[in-house]
Amino acid sequence: MSSALFIIDVQNDFTEGGVLGVTGGGVVASGITRLLAEHPESYDHVFASRDWHDGDNDNGGHFSESPDFVDSWPVHCVAGSAGAEYHAALDLGPSVIHVRKGQGVPAYSIFEGTRGSGEVVQDVLSRLGVTTIDVVGIATDHCVLASALDALGAGFTVRVLTDLVAGVAPESSAAALERLASAGATVTSSTPRGLRD
């Protein structure tokens, strides 16, 4: 049995100043860096996802010139662009497992992504014997929600660390956390965290 941290989409386009920037994104980036630096033994494996969209098409309707901000969005996190890069305050270290999602299709959950080798996240987790997952990142009410729900649905024990997530709006973020709690996730702060030191 092993543990994993899911760092969801802490990218320039989703943090302050980005195309879809959320308030508190930069604080989340620095907070995750601090967690990893101060508690390096807390997780056996660290996964970090990024939206990595095609720049020459609408990615299956995900991009729109008239977005509804539910199923369609302005152009963001185009592969290789500055907006798709991790926030500068996020220091992941050398052993992180990078996951790219949304390559030509709509994608919200980290489980819809792949490693550079093409290996899907579920297969990586199974191979590594992961049983428990903590989820942090952006946005609480979209990709964090989708990733945590998929983790629960796949049978993992899931915690969402509320001080290390940031959402689009307070109301929808609160509703997302309530939904996750009802689905079986533990919704808690990272401090005190009870993680392995």
Protein backbone atom coordinates (compact mmCIF):
# COMPACT_ATOMS: atom_id res chain seq x y z
CA MET A 1 0.00 0.00 0.00
CA SER A 2 1.27 3.47 -0.82
CA SER A 3 0.07 7.06 -0.83
CA ALA A 4 -0.07 9.72 -3.52
CA LEU A 5 -0.55 13.45 -3.78
CA PHE A 6 -2.50 14.73 -6.77
CA ILE A 7 -1.55 18.30 -7.69
CA ILE A 8 -4.21 19.47 -10.10
CA ASP A 9 -3.55 22.11 -12.78
CA VAL A 10 -1.47 24.67 -10.88
CA GLN A 11 -0.73 26.49 -14.13
CA ASN A 12 -0.21 30.08 -15.16
CA ASP A 13 -3.51 30.32 -17.03
CA PHE A 14 -5.40 29.22 -13.90
CA THR A 15 -3.61 31.53 -11.46
CA GLU A 16 -3.73 35.30 -11.04
CA GLY A 17 -3.13 37.08 -14.35
CA GLY A 18 -4.00 34.03 -16.43
CA VAL A 19 -6.81 33.67 -18.95
CA LEU A 20 -8.90 31.76 -16.38
CA GLY A 21 -7.04 32.86 -13.27
CA VAL A 22 -8.63 32.23 -9.88
CA THR A 23 -8.04 34.20 -6.72
CA GLY A 24 -5.63 32.42 -4.43
CA GLY A 25 -3.93 30.37 -7.13
CA GLY A 26 -0.49 31.71 -6.33
CA VAL A 27 -0.97 31.04 -2.63
CA VAL A 28 -1.94 27.47 -3.45
CA ALA A 29 1.23 27.06 -5.54
CA SER A 30 3.50 28.26 -2.74
CA GLY A 31 1.56 26.27 -0.15
CA ILE A 32 2.01 23.02 -2.07
CA THR A 33 5.73 23.75 -2.42
CA ARG A 34 5.95 24.28 1.33
CA LEU A 35 4.07 21.04 2.04
CA LEU A 36 6.46 19.04 -0.13
CA ALA A 37 9.54 20.73 1.34
CA GLU A 38 8.53 20.39 4.99
CA HIS A 39 7.09 16.87 4.76
CA PRO A 40 9.03 15.05 2.04
CA GLU A 41 8.15 11.63 3.45
CA SER A 42 4.41 12.23 3.59
CA TYR A 43 3.75 10.81 0.12
CA ASP A 44 5.24 7.87 -1.70
CA HIS A 45 4.33 9.38 -5.06
CA VAL A 46 3.47 12.85 -6.36
CA PHE A 47 1.41 13.37 -9.52
CA ALA A 48 0.99 16.77 -11.16
CA SER A 49 -1.54 17.32 -13.93
CA ARG A 50 -1.70 20.04 -16.53
CA ASP A 51 -4.22 20.97 -19.16
CA TRP A 52 -2.26 20.56 -22.38
CA HIS A 53 -4.64 21.57 -25.15
CA ASP A 54 -4.10 21.58 -28.90
CA GLY A 55 -3.54 25.04 -30.32
CA ASP A 56 -4.90 24.43 -33.81
CA ASN A 57 -8.46 23.24 -33.07
CA ASP A 58 -11.30 23.69 -30.58
CA ASN A 59 -10.36 20.55 -28.62
CA GLY A 60 -13.69 18.86 -29.16
CA GLY A 61 -15.71 21.98 -28.39
CA HIS A 62 -13.77 22.78 -25.23
CA PHE A 63 -12.59 26.10 -26.72
CA SER A 64 -15.15 28.63 -27.89
CA GLU A 65 -15.24 32.27 -28.97
CA SER A 66 -18.53 32.47 -27.03
CA PRO A 67 -17.83 30.27 -24.00
CA ASP A 68 -20.53 29.33 -21.52
CA PHE A 69 -17.92 28.66 -18.78
CA VAL A 70 -19.57 25.31 -18.08
CA ASP A 71 -18.77 23.13 -21.09
CA SER A 72 -16.83 25.62 -23.21
CA TRP A 73 -14.05 28.05 -22.33
CA PRO A 74 -11.76 30.70 -23.79
CA VAL A 75 -8.51 29.43 -25.26
CA HIS A 76 -6.24 28.40 -22.38
CA CYS A 77 -3.29 26.14 -21.51
CA VAL A 78 -2.23 25.55 -25.09
CA ALA A 79 0.55 22.97 -25.25
CA GLY A 80 3.97 24.59 -25.06
CA SER A 81 2.64 28.05 -24.19
CA ALA A 82 3.58 30.09 -21.12
CA GLY A 83 0.00 29.75 -19.88
CA ALA A 84 0.31 25.97 -19.79
CA GLU A 85 3.43 26.00 -17.64
CA TYR A 86 3.35 25.38 -13.91
CA HIS A 87 3.14 28.47 -11.71
CA ALA A 88 6.60 29.77 -10.83
CA ALA A 89 5.99 29.24 -7.09
CA LEU A 90 5.32 25.53 -7.56
CA ASP A 91 8.47 23.50 -6.94
CA LEU A 92 7.72 19.86 -7.66
CA GLY A 93 11.14 18.28 -7.33
CA PRO A 94 12.68 15.69 -9.66
CA SER A 95 10.53 12.62 -8.97
CA VAL A 96 7.09 13.99 -9.80
CA ILE A 97 4.90 12.06 -12.24
CA HIS A 98 3.73 14.55 -14.88
CA VAL A 99 0.29 14.06 -16.41
CA ARG A 100 -1.08 15.86 -19.45
CA LYS A 101 -4.80 16.01 -20.14
CA GLY A 102 -7.14 17.52 -22.68
CA GLN A 103 -4.96 16.87 -25.71
CA GLY A 104 -7.57 17.54 -28.37
CA VAL A 105 -10.59 16.66 -26.22
CA PRO A 106 -12.37 18.12 -23.19
CA ALA A 107 -10.83 16.79 -19.97
CA TYR A 108 -11.22 17.77 -16.34
CA SER A 109 -10.11 14.81 -14.23
CA ILE A 110 -6.48 13.75 -13.88
CA PHE A 111 -7.76 10.25 -14.67
CA GLU A 112 -8.40 11.46 -18.23
CA GLY A 113 -4.73 12.28 -18.64
CA THR A 114 -1.62 10.32 -19.57
CA ARG A 115 2.08 10.34 -18.86
CA GLY A 116 4.44 11.23 -21.68
CA SER A 117 4.76 7.52 -22.41
CA GLY A 118 1.00 7.30 -22.97
CA GLU A 119 0.36 5.32 -19.78
CA VAL A 120 -3.00 6.22 -18.21
CA VAL A 121 -3.15 7.39 -14.61
CA GLN A 122 -5.21 4.45 -13.34
CA ASP A 123 -2.59 2.03 -14.61
CA VAL A 124 0.23 4.01 -12.97
CA LEU A 125 -1.61 4.01 -9.64
CA SER A 126 -2.23 0.28 -9.85
CA ARG A 127 1.37 -0.46 -10.74
CA LEU A 128 2.60 1.61 -7.79
CA GLY A 129 0.15 0.07 -5.34
CA VAL A 130 -1.44 3.38 -4.39
CA THR A 131 -4.44 3.13 -2.05
CA THR A 132 -4.75 6.63 -0.57
CA ILE A 133 -4.74 9.96 -2.40
CA ASP A 134 -4.67 13.56 -1.21
CA VAL A 135 -5.93 16.12 -3.73
CA VAL A 136 -4.84 19.76 -4.01
CA GLY A 137 -4.80 22.38 -6.76
CA ILE A 138 -7.08 24.30 -9.09
CA ALA A 139 -9.98 24.68 -9.51
CA THR A 140 -11.92 23.35 -6.54
CA ASP A 141 -15.21 23.49 -8.41
CA HIS A 142 -13.99 21.95 -11.66
CA CYS A 143 -10.86 19.84 -12.11
CA VAL A 144 -10.19 19.22 -8.41
CA LEU A 145 -13.80 18.09 -8.04
CA ALA A 146 -13.66 15.84 -11.10
CA SER A 147 -10.33 14.29 -10.09
CA ALA A 148 -11.39 13.59 -6.51
CA LEU A 149 -14.73 12.11 -7.60
CA ASP A 150 -12.97 9.80 -10.06
CA ALA A 151 -10.52 8.73 -7.36
CA LEU A 152 -13.42 7.89 -5.05
CA GLY A 153 -15.19 6.05 -7.84
CA ALA A 154 -12.08 3.97 -8.45
CA GLY A 155 -12.03 2.87 -4.81
CA PHE A 156 -9.26 5.03 -3.40
CA THR A 157 -9.32 6.62 0.05
CA VAL A 158 -9.40 10.34 -0.73
CA ARG A 159 -8.72 13.53 1.17
CA VAL A 160 -9.09 17.06 -0.19
CA LEU A 161 -6.85 19.60 1.55
CA THR A 162 -8.95 22.74 1.74
CA ASP A 163 -6.12 25.20 2.37
CA LEU A 164 -4.34 24.01 -0.78
CA VAL A 165 -7.17 24.40 -3.28
CA ALA A 166 -8.61 27.47 -4.99
CA GLY A 167 -11.87 27.74 -6.89
CA VAL A 168 -13.64 29.90 -9.43
CA ALA A 169 -16.32 31.14 -7.01
CA PRO A 170 -16.93 30.74 -3.27
CA GLU A 171 -20.43 29.30 -3.66
CA SER A 172 -19.58 26.67 -6.26
CA SER A 173 -16.36 25.77 -4.42
CA ALA A 174 -18.25 25.24 -1.16
CA ALA A 175 -20.81 23.13 -3.02
CA ALA A 176 -18.00 21.06 -4.57
CA LEU A 177 -16.47 20.34 -1.17
CA GLU A 178 -19.87 19.37 0.24
CA ARG A 179 -20.42 17.04 -2.70
CA LEU A 180 -17.04 15.42 -2.16
CA ALA A 181 -17.70 14.95 1.55
CA SER A 182 -21.05 13.35 0.76
CA ALA A 183 -19.33 11.04 -1.74
CA GLY A 184 -16.93 9.79 0.92
CA ALA A 185 -13.91 12.09 0.77
CA THR A 186 -12.37 13.54 3.90
CA VAL A 187 -12.38 17.31 3.52
CA THR A 188 -9.76 18.78 5.84
CA SER A 189 -6.93 21.27 6.17
CA SER A 190 -3.34 20.20 5.62
CA THR A 191 -2.53 21.50 9.12
CA PRO A 192 -2.86 19.65 11.34
CA ARG A 193 -2.59 16.98 8.68
CA GLY A 194 -1.74 13.70 10.35
CA LEU A 195 0.49 12.80 7.43
CA ARG A 196 3.50 10.56 7.77
CA ASP A 197 6.57 12.57 8.80
